[in-house]
């Protein structure tokens, strides 16, 4: 046996031993992270604190969103690079991609508002562009685009909540978690604990904000939490049913959908997935748009 062959054999044996060490008796992945001994509740609590302490992160949100206009879930994609200091942030949102089929009537107000909007957040100002950055509007955090984009993407950003729970806090606080139901899954190369909870459909869901829109009629809230030295939430998903009453009218407070099935409205599942990555990465200085390209709406 040649020396090279011996080394390859030794390397193969070591790899197998390392693989077996990382698996339990049923050959399932074993949680070996520094925080593996924490319960699901303890791990999630620590991860939420770490998410809120981030200086920067990349986020990606996609799926079929229950519409704030209570007409039709709209297929959407929002992504961006966020920096919580004074370096600025950039966001892009698109509504109405290929998963909106011919039997679904899209929400025209939402689609026309968000079909291709770029956002720059700089010096505590929010700028929107609907023409790929040729012109920008400086707004006062009250446009439909802001309410939709910020609500679904800035779940852990404490800057705009004045000490109150963030949207992410609210979602977790209004869900029921049960330890011992979690599993281990690899998310983008990171071993995570997959924790599943049931959102509580209670009278507490009364404020019409992003967390209400997300959790209303939600069936499951899933989170993938790393167990490394600084636990973070790498992925989150909400699954639910947007529904109508039997006569086609909206149920009070519900996110509803109008589907044409034999001329009758019906329910439709919705699914939203969030992903976070590139934690505390420097995205550089993101400046406000040039002044000659900015307009300010009249009150």
C-alpha atoms as a PDB file:
ATOM      1  CA  UNK A   1       0.000   0.000   0.000  1.00  0.00           C
ATOM      2  CA  UNK A   2       1.493   3.359  -1.035  1.00  0.00           C
ATOM      3  CA  UNK A   3       1.932   6.245   1.393  1.00  0.00           C
ATOM      4  CA  UNK A   4      -0.728   8.358  -0.395  1.00  0.00           C
ATOM      5  CA  UNK A   5      -3.210   5.496  -0.202  1.00  0.00           C
ATOM      6  CA  UNK A   6      -2.553   5.112   3.520  1.00  0.00           C
ATOM      7  CA  UNK A   7      -3.133   8.814   4.131  1.00  0.00           C
ATOM      8  CA  UNK A   8      -6.409   8.730   2.189  1.00  0.00           C
ATOM      9  CA  UNK A   9      -7.527   5.735   4.249  1.00  0.00           C
ATOM     10  CA  UNK A  10      -6.638   7.481   7.518  1.00  0.00           C
ATOM     11  CA  UNK A  11      -8.447  10.649   6.396  1.00  0.00           C
ATOM     12  CA  UNK A  12     -11.565   8.646   5.478  1.00  0.00           C
ATOM     13  CA  UNK A  13     -11.589   6.942   8.874  1.00  0.00           C
ATOM     14  CA  UNK A  14     -11.208  10.282  10.698  1.00  0.00           C
ATOM     15  CA  UNK A  15     -14.051  11.796   8.660  1.00  0.00           C
ATOM     16  CA  UNK A  16     -16.334   8.884   9.542  1.00  0.00           C
ATOM     17  CA  UNK A  17     -15.448   9.193  13.229  1.00  0.00           C
ATOM     18  CA  UNK A  18     -16.174  12.935  13.204  1.00  0.00           C
ATOM     19  CA  UNK A  19     -19.487  12.341  11.428  1.00  0.00           C
ATOM     20  CA  UNK A  20     -20.529   9.691  13.948  1.00  0.00           C
ATOM     21  CA  UNK A  21     -19.521  11.968  16.840  1.00  0.00           C
ATOM     22  CA  UNK A  22     -21.875  14.621  15.514  1.00  0.00           C
ATOM     23  CA  UNK A  23     -24.806  12.179  15.307  1.00  0.00           C
ATOM     24  CA  UNK A  24     -26.904  10.487  17.942  1.00  0.00           C
ATOM     25  CA  UNK A  25     -27.669   6.779  18.186  1.00  0.00           C
ATOM     26  CA  UNK A  26     -30.168   7.086  15.342  1.00  0.00           C
ATOM     27  CA  UNK A  27     -27.599   8.749  13.057  1.00  0.00           C
ATOM     28  CA  UNK A  28     -29.422  12.084  13.403  1.00  0.00           C
ATOM     29  CA  UNK A  29     -27.422  15.353  13.729  1.00  0.00           C
ATOM     30  CA  UNK A  30     -26.427  16.147  17.303  1.00  0.00           C
ATOM     31  CA  UNK A  31     -26.497  19.684  18.665  1.00  0.00           C
ATOM     32  CA  UNK A  32     -22.907  20.382  19.732  1.00  0.00           C
ATOM     33  CA  UNK A  33     -23.002  24.200  19.770  1.00  0.00           C
ATOM     34  CA  UNK A  34     -21.923  26.210  22.832  1.00  0.00           C
ATOM     35  CA  UNK A  35     -25.583  26.860  23.678  1.00  0.00           C
ATOM     36  CA  UNK A  36     -26.865  23.364  22.891  1.00  0.00           C
ATOM     37  CA  UNK A  37     -27.819  22.764  26.535  1.00  0.00           C
ATOM     38  CA  UNK A  38     -30.325  25.634  26.564  1.00  0.00           C
ATOM     39  CA  UNK A  39     -34.037  24.870  26.362  1.00  0.00           C
ATOM     40  CA  UNK A  40     -35.934  26.096  23.319  1.00  0.00           C
ATOM     41  CA  UNK A  41     -37.313  29.011  25.336  1.00  0.00           C
ATOM     42  CA  UNK A  42     -33.895  29.966  26.741  1.00  0.00           C
ATOM     43  CA  UNK A  43     -32.225  29.712  23.336  1.00  0.00           C
ATOM     44  CA  UNK A  44     -34.913  31.771  21.613  1.00  0.00           C
ATOM     45  CA  UNK A  45     -34.847  34.446  24.321  1.00  0.00           C
ATOM     46  CA  UNK A  46     -31.080  34.781  23.935  1.00  0.00           C
ATOM     47  CA  UNK A  47     -31.326  34.837  20.130  1.00  0.00           C
ATOM     48  CA  UNK A  48     -33.972  37.598  20.166  1.00  0.00           C
ATOM     49  CA  UNK A  49     -31.705  39.726  22.350  1.00  0.00           C
ATOM     50  CA  UNK A  50     -28.801  39.128  19.979  1.00  0.00           C
ATOM     51  CA  UNK A  51     -30.909  40.016  16.928  1.00  0.00           C
ATOM     52  CA  UNK A  52     -31.952  43.316  18.513  1.00  0.00           C
ATOM     53  CA  UNK A  53     -28.311  44.105  19.343  1.00  0.00           C
ATOM     54  CA  UNK A  54     -27.045  43.654  15.763  1.00  0.00           C
ATOM     55  CA  UNK A  55     -25.322  46.620  14.153  1.00  0.00           C
ATOM     56  CA  UNK A  56     -26.081  45.375  10.640  1.00  0.00           C
ATOM     57  CA  UNK A  57     -27.613  42.453   8.753  1.00  0.00           C
ATOM     58  CA  UNK A  58     -28.948  41.369   5.373  1.00  0.00           C
ATOM     59  CA  UNK A  59     -32.575  40.272   5.250  1.00  0.00           C
ATOM     60  CA  UNK A  60     -34.742  38.564   2.669  1.00  0.00           C
ATOM     61  CA  UNK A  61     -38.522  38.209   2.976  1.00  0.00           C
ATOM     62  CA  UNK A  62     -40.622  36.389   0.416  1.00  0.00           C
ATOM     63  CA  UNK A  63     -43.930  34.617   0.049  1.00  0.00           C
ATOM     64  CA  UNK A  64     -47.637  35.219  -0.309  1.00  0.00           C
ATOM     65  CA  UNK A  65     -48.472  38.079   2.028  1.00  0.00           C
ATOM     66  CA  UNK A  66     -51.921  38.648   3.578  1.00  0.00           C
ATOM     67  CA  UNK A  67     -52.893  42.080   2.311  1.00  0.00           C
ATOM     68  CA  UNK A  68     -53.340  45.000   4.655  1.00  0.00           C
ATOM     69  CA  UNK A  69     -56.248  46.005   2.446  1.00  0.00           C
ATOM     70  CA  UNK A  70     -58.010  42.734   3.363  1.00  0.00           C
ATOM     71  CA  UNK A  71     -58.670  41.761  -0.219  1.00  0.00           C
ATOM     72  CA  UNK A  72     -56.011  39.481  -1.617  1.00  0.00           C
ATOM     73  CA  UNK A  73     -52.738  37.986  -0.429  1.00  0.00           C
ATOM     74  CA  UNK A  74     -50.062  39.401  -2.711  1.00  0.00           C
ATOM     75  CA  UNK A  75     -46.907  37.590  -3.739  1.00  0.00           C
ATOM     76  CA  UNK A  76     -43.976  39.766  -2.678  1.00  0.00           C
ATOM     77  CA  UNK A  77     -40.219  39.883  -2.211  1.00  0.00           C
ATOM     78  CA  UNK A  78     -38.444  42.344   0.077  1.00  0.00           C
ATOM     79  CA  UNK A  79     -34.696  42.352   0.686  1.00  0.00           C
ATOM     80  CA  UNK A  80     -32.057  44.753   1.886  1.00  0.00           C
ATOM     81  CA  UNK A  81     -28.924  45.636   3.816  1.00  0.00           C
ATOM     82  CA  UNK A  82     -29.720  47.215   7.179  1.00  0.00           C
ATOM     83  CA  UNK A  83     -27.362  49.188   9.415  1.00  0.00           C
ATOM     84  CA  UNK A  84     -28.680  50.381  12.743  1.00  0.00           C
ATOM     85  CA  UNK A  85     -26.027  53.086  13.171  1.00  0.00           C
ATOM     86  CA  UNK A  86     -25.681  56.259  11.095  1.00  0.00           C
ATOM     87  CA  UNK A  87     -24.252  54.530   8.003  1.00  0.00           C
ATOM     88  CA  UNK A  88     -27.645  54.132   6.298  1.00  0.00           C
ATOM     89  CA  UNK A  89     -29.652  51.233   4.863  1.00  0.00           C
ATOM     90  CA  UNK A  90     -31.063  50.176   1.477  1.00  0.00           C
ATOM     91  CA  UNK A  91     -34.167  48.113   0.706  1.00  0.00           C
ATOM     92  CA  UNK A  92     -35.894  46.801  -2.416  1.00  0.00           C
ATOM     93  CA  UNK A  93     -39.497  45.541  -2.602  1.00  0.00           C
ATOM     94  CA  UNK A  94     -41.405  43.896  -5.443  1.00  0.00           C
ATOM     95  CA  UNK A  95     -45.000  42.695  -5.507  1.00  0.00           C
ATOM     96  CA  UNK A  96     -46.702  40.423  -8.005  1.00  0.00           C
ATOM     97  CA  UNK A  97     -44.312  37.755  -9.252  1.00  0.00           C
ATOM     98  CA  UNK A  98     -44.915  34.456 -10.994  1.00  0.00           C
ATOM     99  CA  UNK A  99     -46.796  32.742  -8.175  1.00  0.00           C
ATOM    100  CA  UNK A 100     -49.813  35.019  -8.610  1.00  0.00           C
ATOM    101  CA  UNK A 101     -51.881  32.893 -10.979  1.00  0.00           C
ATOM    102  CA  UNK A 102     -54.743  33.808 -13.270  1.00  0.00           C
ATOM    103  CA  UNK A 103     -57.397  32.636 -10.813  1.00  0.00           C
ATOM    104  CA  UNK A 104     -56.264  35.146  -8.182  1.00  0.00           C
ATOM    105  CA  UNK A 105     -57.294  38.788  -8.323  1.00  0.00           C
ATOM    106  CA  UNK A 106     -54.256  40.746  -7.008  1.00  0.00           C
ATOM    107  CA  UNK A 107     -54.751  43.622  -4.632  1.00  0.00           C
ATOM    108  CA  UNK A 108     -54.437  46.534  -7.105  1.00  0.00           C
ATOM    109  CA  UNK A 109     -53.725  49.175  -4.452  1.00  0.00           C
ATOM    110  CA  UNK A 110     -50.879  47.196  -2.944  1.00  0.00           C
ATOM    111  CA  UNK A 111     -49.471  46.095  -6.290  1.00  0.00           C
ATOM    112  CA  UNK A 112     -49.454  49.601  -7.743  1.00  0.00           C
ATOM    113  CA  UNK A 113     -47.862  50.971  -4.584  1.00  0.00           C
ATOM    114  CA  UNK A 114     -45.083  48.438  -4.248  1.00  0.00           C
ATOM    115  CA  UNK A 115     -44.363  47.117  -7.740  1.00  0.00           C
ATOM    116  CA  UNK A 116     -40.669  47.905  -7.800  1.00  0.00           C
ATOM    117  CA  UNK A 117     -39.879  50.368  -5.011  1.00  0.00           C
ATOM    118  CA  UNK A 118     -36.365  51.221  -3.822  1.00  0.00           C
ATOM    119  CA  UNK A 119     -35.812  52.631  -0.358  1.00  0.00           C
ATOM    120  CA  UNK A 120     -32.886  54.474   1.200  1.00  0.00           C
ATOM    121  CA  UNK A 121     -32.915  55.042   4.941  1.00  0.00           C
ATOM    122  CA  UNK A 122     -30.295  57.701   5.755  1.00  0.00           C
ATOM    123  CA  UNK A 123     -29.948  60.330   8.475  1.00  0.00           C
ATOM    124  CA  UNK A 124     -33.285  59.214   9.966  1.00  0.00           C
ATOM    125  CA  UNK A 125     -35.025  59.998   6.664  1.00  0.00           C
ATOM    126  CA  UNK A 126     -36.947  57.528   4.506  1.00  0.00           C
ATOM    127  CA  UNK A 127     -36.652  57.985   0.725  1.00  0.00           C
ATOM    128  CA  UNK A 128     -38.705  56.059  -1.847  1.00  0.00           C
ATOM    129  CA  UNK A 129     -38.101  55.700  -5.592  1.00  0.00           C
ATOM    130  CA  UNK A 130     -40.497  54.097  -8.078  1.00  0.00           C
ATOM    131  CA  UNK A 131     -38.335  54.624 -11.160  1.00  0.00           C
ATOM    132  CA  UNK A 132     -35.119  52.729 -10.314  1.00  0.00           C
ATOM    133  CA  UNK A 133     -33.560  55.663  -8.508  1.00  0.00           C
ATOM    134  CA  UNK A 134     -34.061  58.400 -11.081  1.00  0.00           C
ATOM    135  CA  UNK A 135     -36.265  60.381  -8.693  1.00  0.00           C
ATOM    136  CA  UNK A 136     -36.860  60.073  -4.962  1.00  0.00           C
ATOM    137  CA  UNK A 137     -39.525  61.195  -2.519  1.00  0.00           C
ATOM    138  CA  UNK A 138     -38.761  62.088   1.095  1.00  0.00           C
ATOM    139  CA  UNK A 139     -41.719  60.891   3.148  1.00  0.00           C
ATOM    140  CA  UNK A 140     -42.808  61.021   6.772  1.00  0.00           C
ATOM    141  CA  UNK A 141     -43.002  57.306   7.582  1.00  0.00           C
ATOM    142  CA  UNK A 142     -46.697  57.035   6.820  1.00  0.00           C
ATOM    143  CA  UNK A 143     -46.939  55.863   3.199  1.00  0.00           C
ATOM    144  CA  UNK A 144     -48.364  52.430   2.316  1.00  0.00           C
ATOM    145  CA  UNK A 145     -44.896  51.399   1.165  1.00  0.00           C
ATOM    146  CA  UNK A 146     -43.339  52.314   4.503  1.00  0.00           C
ATOM    147  CA  UNK A 147     -46.042  50.598   6.556  1.00  0.00           C
ATOM    148  CA  UNK A 148     -45.743  47.424   4.472  1.00  0.00           C
ATOM    149  CA  UNK A 149     -41.952  47.277   4.039  1.00  0.00           C
ATOM    150  CA  UNK A 150     -40.967  48.342   7.544  1.00  0.00           C
ATOM    151  CA  UNK A 151     -43.602  46.151   9.134  1.00  0.00           C
ATOM    152  CA  UNK A 152     -42.503  42.994   7.396  1.00  0.00           C
ATOM    153  CA  UNK A 153     -38.756  43.579   7.297  1.00  0.00           C
ATOM    154  CA  UNK A 154     -37.692  45.507  10.435  1.00  0.00           C
ATOM    155  CA  UNK A 155     -38.874  42.929  12.954  1.00  0.00           C
ATOM    156  CA  UNK A 156     -36.028  43.392  15.449  1.00  0.00           C
ATOM    157  CA  UNK A 157     -35.161  47.060  14.906  1.00  0.00           C
ATOM    158  CA  UNK A 158     -35.657  48.833  18.226  1.00  0.00           C
ATOM    159  CA  UNK A 159     -35.099  52.359  16.844  1.00  0.00           C
ATOM    160  CA  UNK A 160     -38.740  52.937  15.951  1.00  0.00           C
ATOM    161  CA  UNK A 161     -40.556  51.312  18.873  1.00  0.00           C
ATOM    162  CA  UNK A 162     -39.723  53.767  21.690  1.00  0.00           C
ATOM    163  CA  UNK A 163     -39.045  51.016  24.207  1.00  0.00           C
ATOM    164  CA  UNK A 164     -42.146  49.001  23.279  1.00  0.00           C
ATOM    165  CA  UNK A 165     -41.894  45.409  21.987  1.00  0.00           C
ATOM    166  CA  UNK A 166     -40.838  45.134  18.358  1.00  0.00           C
ATOM    167  CA  UNK A 167     -42.934  43.312  15.772  1.00  0.00           C
ATOM    168  CA  UNK A 168     -40.743  40.234  16.268  1.00  0.00           C
ATOM    169  CA  UNK A 169     -41.158  40.439  20.055  1.00  0.00           C
ATOM    170  CA  UNK A 170     -44.917  40.646  19.654  1.00  0.00           C
ATOM    171  CA  UNK A 171     -45.046  37.620  17.339  1.00  0.00           C
ATOM    172  CA  UNK A 172     -43.089  35.468  19.787  1.00  0.00           C
ATOM    173  CA  UNK A 173     -44.930  36.721  22.877  1.00  0.00           C
ATOM    174  CA  UNK A 174     -48.262  35.815  21.269  1.00  0.00           C
ATOM    175  CA  UNK A 175     -47.314  32.260  20.344  1.00  0.00           C
ATOM    176  CA  UNK A 176     -47.253  29.049  22.363  1.00  0.00           C
ATOM    177  CA  UNK A 177     -43.937  27.171  22.353  1.00  0.00           C
ATOM    178  CA  UNK A 178     -43.424  23.665  23.631  1.00  0.00           C
ATOM    179  CA  UNK A 179     -39.954  22.334  24.412  1.00  0.00           C
ATOM    180  CA  UNK A 180     -38.823  18.898  23.191  1.00  0.00           C
ATOM    181  CA  UNK A 181     -40.516  19.321  19.795  1.00  0.00           C
ATOM    182  CA  UNK A 182     -37.547  20.980  18.077  1.00  0.00           C
ATOM    183  CA  UNK A 183     -35.309  19.348  15.485  1.00  0.00           C
ATOM    184  CA  UNK A 184     -31.878  20.160  14.053  1.00  0.00           C
ATOM    185  CA  UNK A 185     -31.587  21.510  10.514  1.00  0.00           C
ATOM    186  CA  UNK A 186     -28.827  23.045   8.426  1.00  0.00           C
ATOM    187  CA  UNK A 187     -29.742  26.528   7.160  1.00  0.00           C
ATOM    188  CA  UNK A 188     -27.285  28.043   4.679  1.00  0.00           C
ATOM    189  CA  UNK A 189     -24.398  26.081   6.163  1.00  0.00           C
ATOM    190  CA  UNK A 190     -25.284  26.814   9.806  1.00  0.00           C
ATOM    191  CA  UNK A 191     -26.659  24.166  12.166  1.00  0.00           C
ATOM    192  CA  UNK A 192     -29.871  25.449  13.722  1.00  0.00           C
ATOM    193  CA  UNK A 193     -32.578  24.284  16.040  1.00  0.00           C
ATOM    194  CA  UNK A 194     -35.971  24.320  14.293  1.00  0.00           C
ATOM    195  CA  UNK A 195     -38.577  25.474  16.806  1.00  0.00           C
ATOM    196  CA  UNK A 196     -42.293  25.443  15.958  1.00  0.00           C
ATOM    197  CA  UNK A 197     -45.002  27.359  17.813  1.00  0.00           C
ATOM    198  CA  UNK A 198     -48.717  27.979  17.505  1.00  0.00           C
ATOM    199  CA  UNK A 199     -49.783  31.650  17.302  1.00  0.00           C
ATOM    200  CA  UNK A 200     -52.440  32.535  19.854  1.00  0.00           C
ATOM    201  CA  UNK A 201     -55.639  33.787  18.243  1.00  0.00           C
ATOM    202  CA  UNK A 202     -56.803  35.917  21.176  1.00  0.00           C
ATOM    203  CA  UNK A 203     -58.455  39.237  21.790  1.00  0.00           C
ATOM    204  CA  UNK A 204     -54.951  40.688  22.236  1.00  0.00           C
ATOM    205  CA  UNK A 205     -54.672  40.855  18.448  1.00  0.00           C
ATOM    206  CA  UNK A 206     -56.576  44.108  18.294  1.00  0.00           C
ATOM    207  CA  UNK A 207     -54.046  46.691  17.135  1.00  0.00           C
ATOM    208  CA  UNK A 208     -53.963  46.976  13.373  1.00  0.00           C
ATOM    209  CA  UNK A 209     -50.222  46.724  12.824  1.00  0.00           C
ATOM    210  CA  UNK A 210     -47.789  44.428  11.050  1.00  0.00           C
ATOM    211  CA  UNK A 211     -47.785  41.749  13.731  1.00  0.00           C
ATOM    212  CA  UNK A 212     -51.583  41.585  13.586  1.00  0.00           C
ATOM    213  CA  UNK A 213     -51.526  41.211   9.799  1.00  0.00           C
ATOM    214  CA  UNK A 214     -48.868  38.495  10.024  1.00  0.00           C
ATOM    215  CA  UNK A 215     -50.399  36.483  12.875  1.00  0.00           C
ATOM    216  CA  UNK A 216     -54.105  36.879  12.118  1.00  0.00           C
ATOM    217  CA  UNK A 217     -55.291  33.422  10.987  1.00  0.00           C
ATOM    218  CA  UNK A 218     -51.710  32.084  11.243  1.00  0.00           C
ATOM    219  CA  UNK A 219     -51.478  28.382  12.043  1.00  0.00           C
ATOM    220  CA  UNK A 220     -47.762  27.946  12.688  1.00  0.00           C
ATOM    221  CA  UNK A 221     -44.749  30.111  13.501  1.00  0.00           C
ATOM    222  CA  UNK A 222     -41.430  28.384  12.763  1.00  0.00           C
ATOM    223  CA  UNK A 223     -37.977  29.632  13.737  1.00  0.00           C
ATOM    224  CA  UNK A 224     -34.520  28.278  12.945  1.00  0.00           C
ATOM    225  CA  UNK A 225     -32.131  29.374  15.720  1.00  0.00           C
ATOM    226  CA  UNK A 226     -28.375  28.809  15.748  1.00  0.00           C
ATOM    227  CA  UNK A 227     -26.749  27.433  18.911  1.00  0.00           C
ATOM    228  CA  UNK A 228     -23.308  28.957  18.358  1.00  0.00           C
ATOM    229  CA  UNK A 229     -21.593  31.341  20.774  1.00  0.00           C
ATOM    230  CA  UNK A 230     -23.959  34.154  19.720  1.00  0.00           C
ATOM    231  CA  UNK A 231     -27.335  32.558  18.893  1.00  0.00           C
ATOM    232  CA  UNK A 232     -29.255  34.270  16.116  1.00  0.00           C
ATOM    233  CA  UNK A 233     -32.461  33.613  14.205  1.00  0.00           C
ATOM    234  CA  UNK A 234     -31.362  32.512  10.741  1.00  0.00           C
ATOM    235  CA  UNK A 235     -34.818  31.843   9.306  1.00  0.00           C
ATOM    236  CA  UNK A 236     -38.464  32.267  10.262  1.00  0.00           C
ATOM    237  CA  UNK A 237     -41.723  31.273   8.577  1.00  0.00           C
ATOM    238  CA  UNK A 238     -45.432  31.854   9.121  1.00  0.00           C
ATOM    239  CA  UNK A 239     -48.131  29.686   7.566  1.00  0.00           C
ATOM    240  CA  UNK A 240     -51.810  30.524   7.716  1.00  0.00           C
ATOM    241  CA  UNK A 241     -55.145  30.658   5.949  1.00  0.00           C
ATOM    242  CA  UNK A 242     -56.627  33.852   4.553  1.00  0.00           C
ATOM    243  CA  UNK A 243     -60.384  33.328   4.599  1.00  0.00           C
ATOM    244  CA  UNK A 244     -63.839  34.652   3.773  1.00  0.00           C
ATOM    245  CA  UNK A 245     -67.167  33.945   5.415  1.00  0.00           C
ATOM    246  CA  UNK A 246     -69.564  31.582   3.673  1.00  0.00           C
ATOM    247  CA  UNK A 247     -71.366  34.466   1.944  1.00  0.00           C
ATOM    248  CA  UNK A 248     -68.084  35.880   0.602  1.00  0.00           C
ATOM    249  CA  UNK A 249     -67.971  38.810   3.021  1.00  0.00           C
ATOM    250  CA  UNK A 250     -64.855  39.502   5.059  1.00  0.00           C
ATOM    251  CA  UNK A 251     -64.670  38.019   8.524  1.00  0.00           C
ATOM    252  CA  UNK A 252     -64.081  40.864  11.016  1.00  0.00           C
ATOM    253  CA  UNK A 253     -60.390  41.540  11.422  1.00  0.00           C
ATOM    254  CA  UNK A 254     -59.320  38.810   9.033  1.00  0.00           C
ATOM    255  CA  UNK A 255     -56.887  38.899   6.136  1.00  0.00           C
ATOM    256  CA  UNK A 256     -59.026  37.716   3.253  1.00  0.00           C
ATOM    257  CA  UNK A 257     -58.684  36.533  -0.312  1.00  0.00           C
ATOM    258  CA  UNK A 258     -61.008  36.494  -3.294  1.00  0.00           C
ATOM    259  CA  UNK A 259     -60.470  33.408  -5.410  1.00  0.00           C
ATOM    260  CA  UNK A 260     -62.635  32.605  -8.399  1.00  0.00           C
ATOM    261  CA  UNK A 261     -63.570  28.954  -8.040  1.00  0.00           C
ATOM    262  CA  UNK A 262     -66.829  28.219  -9.851  1.00  0.00           C
ATOM    263  CA  UNK A 263     -67.755  31.834  -9.241  1.00  0.00           C
ATOM    264  CA  UNK A 264     -67.444  31.473  -5.460  1.00  0.00           C
ATOM    265  CA  UNK A 265     -64.902  32.998  -3.043  1.00  0.00           C
ATOM    266  CA  UNK A 266     -62.795  30.546  -1.048  1.00  0.00           C
ATOM    267  CA  UNK A 267     -59.922  30.316   1.414  1.00  0.00           C
ATOM    268  CA  UNK A 268     -56.292  30.422   0.369  1.00  0.00           C
ATOM    269  CA  UNK A 269     -53.146  29.445   2.299  1.00  0.00           C
ATOM    270  CA  UNK A 270     -50.429  32.044   2.698  1.00  0.00           C
ATOM    271  CA  UNK A 271     -46.768  31.534   3.552  1.00  0.00           C
ATOM    272  CA  UNK A 272     -44.054  34.063   4.471  1.00  0.00           C
ATOM    273  CA  UNK A 273     -40.358  33.246   4.917  1.00  0.00           C
ATOM    274  CA  UNK A 274     -37.745  35.530   6.468  1.00  0.00           C
ATOM    275  CA  UNK A 275     -33.999  34.968   6.255  1.00  0.00           C
ATOM    276  CA  UNK A 276     -31.222  36.887   8.009  1.00  0.00           C
ATOM    277  CA  UNK A 277     -27.490  36.718   7.290  1.00  0.00           C
ATOM    278  CA  UNK A 278     -24.233  38.724   7.080  1.00  0.00           C
ATOM    279  CA  UNK A 279     -24.514  39.789  10.701  1.00  0.00           C
ATOM    280  CA  UNK A 280     -22.530  42.882  11.748  1.00  0.00           C
ATOM    281  CA  UNK A 281     -21.036  43.226   8.273  1.00  0.00           C
ATOM    282  CA  UNK A 282     -19.992  46.677   7.106  1.00  0.00           C
ATOM    283  CA  UNK A 283     -22.127  47.612   4.081  1.00  0.00           C
ATOM    284  CA  UNK A 284     -20.404  50.967   3.709  1.00  0.00           C
ATOM    285  CA  UNK A 285     -21.860  54.451   3.837  1.00  0.00           C
ATOM    286  CA  UNK A 286     -25.301  54.647   2.228  1.00  0.00           C
ATOM    287  CA  UNK A 287     -25.954  58.316   1.585  1.00  0.00           C
ATOM    288  CA  UNK A 288     -29.195  60.169   0.963  1.00  0.00           C
ATOM    289  CA  UNK A 289     -30.083  60.613  -2.725  1.00  0.00           C
ATOM    290  CA  UNK A 290     -28.750  63.762  -4.438  1.00  0.00           C
ATOM    291  CA  UNK A 291     -30.829  66.777  -3.433  1.00  0.00           C
ATOM    292  CA  UNK A 292     -31.785  67.577  -7.047  1.00  0.00           C
ATOM    293  CA  UNK A 293     -33.511  64.180  -7.293  1.00  0.00           C
ATOM    294  CA  UNK A 294     -35.553  64.546  -4.086  1.00  0.00           C
ATOM    295  CA  UNK A 295     -39.082  65.894  -3.810  1.00  0.00           C
ATOM    296  CA  UNK A 296     -41.105  66.328  -0.638  1.00  0.00           C
ATOM    297  CA  UNK A 297     -44.892  65.714  -0.716  1.00  0.00           C
ATOM    298  CA  UNK A 298     -47.050  68.633   0.278  1.00  0.00           C
ATOM    299  CA  UNK A 299     -49.070  68.085   3.485  1.00  0.00           C
END
